[in-house]
């Protein structure tokens, strides 16, 4: 397993298992099983990567318009 250490200041966005478990506890009243966390990871990867280019383009376009 490759565990790369990333400085917190280098991150722009991240979701930890702890964050996901907290969300699950709040929304469904329990924590997720390991199997459910695996499905959650796949869903997050798929959902966040589906249209990331549109998100990046929108952010960068808005920045250009400010200047």
Protein backbone atom coordinates (compact mmCIF):
# COMPACT_ATOMS: atom_id res chain seq x y z
CA UNK A 1 0.00 0.00 0.00
CA UNK A 2 1.39 3.36 -1.03
CA UNK A 3 0.77 5.93 1.68
CA UNK A 4 1.93 9.32 0.54
CA UNK A 5 2.23 12.04 3.14
CA UNK A 6 0.61 15.24 1.92
CA UNK A 7 0.93 18.51 3.77
CA UNK A 8 -2.43 19.86 4.90
CA UNK A 9 -1.70 23.21 3.23
CA UNK A 10 -1.28 21.41 -0.12
CA UNK A 11 -4.83 20.03 -0.01
CA UNK A 12 -7.72 21.90 -1.52
CA UNK A 13 -10.36 19.31 -0.65
CA UNK A 14 -10.46 15.97 1.14
CA UNK A 15 -12.94 13.56 2.69
CA UNK A 16 -11.78 11.17 5.43
CA UNK A 17 -13.45 8.02 6.70
CA UNK A 18 -14.06 9.92 9.92
CA UNK A 19 -15.90 12.65 8.00
CA UNK A 20 -17.98 10.07 6.13
CA UNK A 21 -18.80 8.20 9.36
CA UNK A 22 -19.88 11.45 10.99
CA UNK A 23 -22.15 12.22 8.02
CA UNK A 24 -23.60 8.71 8.14
CA UNK A 25 -24.25 8.97 11.87
CA UNK A 26 -26.01 12.30 11.38
CA UNK A 27 -28.05 11.26 8.35
CA UNK A 28 -28.87 7.58 8.91
CA UNK A 29 -28.26 7.23 12.62
CA UNK A 30 -25.34 4.78 12.46
CA UNK A 31 -21.83 4.34 11.14
CA UNK A 32 -21.04 2.49 7.94
CA UNK A 33 -19.63 -1.02 7.72
CA UNK A 34 -16.33 -1.67 5.94
CA UNK A 35 -18.28 -2.94 2.91
CA UNK A 36 -20.43 0.20 2.89
CA UNK A 37 -17.31 2.37 3.15
CA UNK A 38 -15.90 0.57 0.10
CA UNK A 39 -19.07 1.33 -1.87
CA UNK A 40 -18.94 4.91 -0.56
CA UNK A 41 -15.37 5.32 -1.80
CA UNK A 42 -16.35 4.11 -5.27
CA UNK A 43 -19.38 6.41 -5.29
CA UNK A 44 -17.33 9.42 -4.22
CA UNK A 45 -14.66 8.72 -6.83
CA UNK A 46 -17.26 8.30 -9.55
CA UNK A 47 -19.39 11.25 -8.52
CA UNK A 48 -16.56 13.67 -7.95
CA UNK A 49 -14.71 12.74 -11.13
CA UNK A 50 -17.77 12.60 -13.39
CA UNK A 51 -17.74 16.27 -14.24
CA UNK A 52 -14.67 17.66 -12.54
CA UNK A 53 -13.64 19.44 -15.76
CA UNK A 54 -16.81 21.53 -15.64
CA UNK A 55 -16.11 22.43 -12.01
CA UNK A 56 -12.50 23.40 -12.78
CA UNK A 57 -13.53 25.40 -15.85
CA UNK A 58 -16.22 27.26 -13.92
CA UNK A 59 -13.86 28.13 -11.07
CA UNK A 60 -11.10 29.29 -13.40
CA UNK A 61 -13.52 31.25 -15.61
CA UNK A 62 -14.86 33.08 -12.55
CA UNK A 63 -11.32 33.92 -11.45
CA UNK A 64 -10.48 35.30 -14.89
CA UNK A 65 -13.63 37.43 -14.88
CA UNK A 66 -12.63 39.00 -11.55
CA UNK A 67 -9.33 40.15 -13.00
